[in-house]
Amino acid sequence: MVIQAMDMGIIFPVAVLSGILIIRNDSFGYLLTSVIIIKGTTMLLALVMMIVFMTISGVPVTIIEIAGFSSLAVFYIINFFLMLKNVK
């Protein structure tokens, strides 16, 4: 429960704040967004690896979980590289 509370109490509000600041073209928004992208990338890669090891262990995993988390991980990885490409 601690992880869910941290996600909803800290990560989600910071992500919303960074989105608002990006829309306003504030430089602090770009800093926060880079942190959120890196956090999201690592979290989603950990979830994808958890799904891989669950499948290897014989735990049933639905195709929705596999497709959903994998596509989100690819989206975040693409955004991560786009962010790195535009760092000056």
C-alpha atoms as a PDB file:
ATOM      1  CA  MET A   1       0.000   0.000   0.000  1.00  0.00           C
ATOM      2  CA  VAL A   2       2.931   2.354   0.527  1.00  0.00           C
ATOM      3  CA  ILE A   3       3.846   2.287  -3.169  1.00  0.00           C
ATOM      4  CA  GLN A   4       0.285   3.044  -4.263  1.00  0.00           C
ATOM      5  CA  ALA A   5       0.077   5.892  -1.766  1.00  0.00           C
ATOM      6  CA  MET A   6       3.363   7.313  -3.042  1.00  0.00           C
ATOM      7  CA  ASP A   7       2.196   7.048  -6.657  1.00  0.00           C
ATOM      8  CA  MET A   8      -1.104   8.783  -5.974  1.00  0.00           C
ATOM      9  CA  GLY A   9       0.228  11.237  -3.389  1.00  0.00           C
ATOM     10  CA  ILE A  10       3.495  12.317  -4.977  1.00  0.00           C
ATOM     11  CA  ILE A  11       4.067  11.017  -8.512  1.00  0.00           C
ATOM     12  CA  PHE A  12       0.626  11.808  -9.955  1.00  0.00           C
ATOM     13  CA  PRO A  13       0.461  15.411  -8.663  1.00  0.00           C
ATOM     14  CA  VAL A  14       4.017  16.079  -9.854  1.00  0.00           C
ATOM     15  CA  ALA A  15       3.139  14.663 -13.282  1.00  0.00           C
ATOM     16  CA  VAL A  16       0.062  16.907 -13.494  1.00  0.00           C
ATOM     17  CA  LEU A  17       2.071  19.912 -12.337  1.00  0.00           C
ATOM     18  CA  SER A  18       4.814  19.226 -14.881  1.00  0.00           C
ATOM     19  CA  GLY A  19       2.200  18.994 -17.643  1.00  0.00           C
ATOM     20  CA  ILE A  20       0.688  22.321 -16.641  1.00  0.00           C
ATOM     21  CA  LEU A  21       4.125  23.943 -16.495  1.00  0.00           C
ATOM     22  CA  ILE A  22       5.057  22.511 -19.908  1.00  0.00           C
ATOM     23  CA  ILE A  23       1.870  23.979 -21.398  1.00  0.00           C
ATOM     24  CA  ARG A  24       2.843  27.348 -19.896  1.00  0.00           C
ATOM     25  CA  ASN A  25       6.352  26.962 -21.381  1.00  0.00           C
ATOM     26  CA  ASP A  26       7.979  27.185 -17.962  1.00  0.00           C
ATOM     27  CA  SER A  27      11.543  25.859 -17.759  1.00  0.00           C
ATOM     28  CA  PHE A  28      10.816  24.154 -14.417  1.00  0.00           C
ATOM     29  CA  GLY A  29       8.152  22.113 -16.222  1.00  0.00           C
ATOM     30  CA  TYR A  30      10.794  20.660 -18.526  1.00  0.00           C
ATOM     31  CA  LEU A  31      12.889  19.670 -15.519  1.00  0.00           C
ATOM     32  CA  LEU A  32       9.944  17.992 -13.778  1.00  0.00           C
ATOM     33  CA  THR A  33       8.876  16.265 -16.979  1.00  0.00           C
ATOM     34  CA  SER A  34      12.306  14.723 -17.428  1.00  0.00           C
ATOM     35  CA  VAL A  35      12.108  13.312 -13.898  1.00  0.00           C
ATOM     36  CA  ILE A  36       8.618  11.911 -14.537  1.00  0.00           C
ATOM     37  CA  ILE A  37       9.693  10.355 -17.855  1.00  0.00           C
ATOM     38  CA  ILE A  38      12.672   8.639 -16.229  1.00  0.00           C
ATOM     39  CA  LYS A  39      10.528   7.465 -13.276  1.00  0.00           C
ATOM     40  CA  GLY A  40       7.827   6.174 -15.618  1.00  0.00           C
ATOM     41  CA  THR A  41      10.347   4.402 -17.841  1.00  0.00           C
ATOM     42  CA  THR A  42      11.990   2.573 -14.960  1.00  0.00           C
ATOM     43  CA  MET A  43       8.642   1.699 -13.372  1.00  0.00           C
ATOM     44  CA  LEU A  44       7.182   0.343 -16.619  1.00  0.00           C
ATOM     45  CA  LEU A  45      10.320  -1.644 -17.460  1.00  0.00           C
ATOM     46  CA  ALA A  46      10.136  -3.204 -14.002  1.00  0.00           C
ATOM     47  CA  LEU A  47       6.476  -4.101 -14.617  1.00  0.00           C
ATOM     48  CA  VAL A  48       7.289  -5.652 -18.002  1.00  0.00           C
ATOM     49  CA  MET A  49      10.062  -7.728 -16.435  1.00  0.00           C
ATOM     50  CA  MET A  50       7.676  -8.770 -13.666  1.00  0.00           C
ATOM     51  CA  ILE A  51       5.226  -9.968 -16.319  1.00  0.00           C
ATOM     52  CA  VAL A  52       8.026 -11.892 -18.091  1.00  0.00           C
ATOM     53  CA  PHE A  53       9.060 -13.648 -14.885  1.00  0.00           C
ATOM     54  CA  MET A  54       5.437 -14.328 -13.942  1.00  0.00           C
ATOM     55  CA  THR A  55       4.962 -16.012 -17.308  1.00  0.00           C
ATOM     56  CA  ILE A  56       8.147 -18.062 -16.863  1.00  0.00           C
ATOM     57  CA  SER A  57       6.955 -19.118 -13.389  1.00  0.00           C
ATOM     58  CA  GLY A  58       3.618 -20.268 -14.775  1.00  0.00           C
ATOM     59  CA  VAL A  59       1.465 -17.510 -13.280  1.00  0.00           C
ATOM     60  CA  PRO A  60      -1.419 -16.698 -15.642  1.00  0.00           C
ATOM     61  CA  VAL A  61      -1.112 -13.272 -17.265  1.00  0.00           C
ATOM     62  CA  THR A  62      -3.753 -11.771 -19.534  1.00  0.00           C
ATOM     63  CA  ILE A  63      -2.975 -10.403 -22.977  1.00  0.00           C
ATOM     64  CA  ILE A  64      -4.351  -7.030 -21.832  1.00  0.00           C
ATOM     65  CA  GLU A  65      -1.631  -6.786 -19.178  1.00  0.00           C
ATOM     66  CA  ILE A  66       1.084  -7.801 -21.606  1.00  0.00           C
ATOM     67  CA  ALA A  67      -0.039  -5.452 -24.393  1.00  0.00           C
ATOM     68  CA  GLY A  68      -0.927  -2.551 -22.122  1.00  0.00           C
ATOM     69  CA  PHE A  69       2.239  -2.376 -20.060  1.00  0.00           C
ATOM     70  CA  SER A  70       4.493  -3.213 -23.012  1.00  0.00           C
ATOM     71  CA  SER A  71       3.003  -0.494 -25.209  1.00  0.00           C
ATOM     72  CA  LEU A  72       3.233   2.052 -22.401  1.00  0.00           C
ATOM     73  CA  ALA A  73       6.862   1.069 -21.826  1.00  0.00           C
ATOM     74  CA  VAL A  74       7.651   1.556 -25.524  1.00  0.00           C
ATOM     75  CA  PHE A  75       5.880   4.943 -25.443  1.00  0.00           C
ATOM     76  CA  TYR A  76       7.907   6.060 -22.425  1.00  0.00           C
ATOM     77  CA  ILE A  77      11.180   4.800 -23.930  1.00  0.00           C
ATOM     78  CA  ILE A  78      10.493   6.746 -27.132  1.00  0.00           C
ATOM     79  CA  ASN A  79       9.739   9.861 -25.084  1.00  0.00           C
ATOM     80  CA  PHE A  80      12.906   9.286 -23.061  1.00  0.00           C
ATOM     81  CA  PHE A  81      15.072   9.206 -26.196  1.00  0.00           C
ATOM     82  CA  LEU A  82      13.270  12.213 -27.670  1.00  0.00           C
ATOM     83  CA  MET A  83      13.971  14.076 -24.450  1.00  0.00           C
ATOM     84  CA  LEU A  84      17.655  13.110 -24.537  1.00  0.00           C
ATOM     85  CA  LYS A  85      17.889  14.098 -28.181  1.00  0.00           C
ATOM     86  CA  ASN A  86      16.619  17.610 -27.427  1.00  0.00           C
ATOM     87  CA  VAL A  87      18.769  18.301 -24.371  1.00  0.00           C
ATOM     88  CA  LYS A  88      21.122  21.175 -25.072  1.00  0.00           C
END
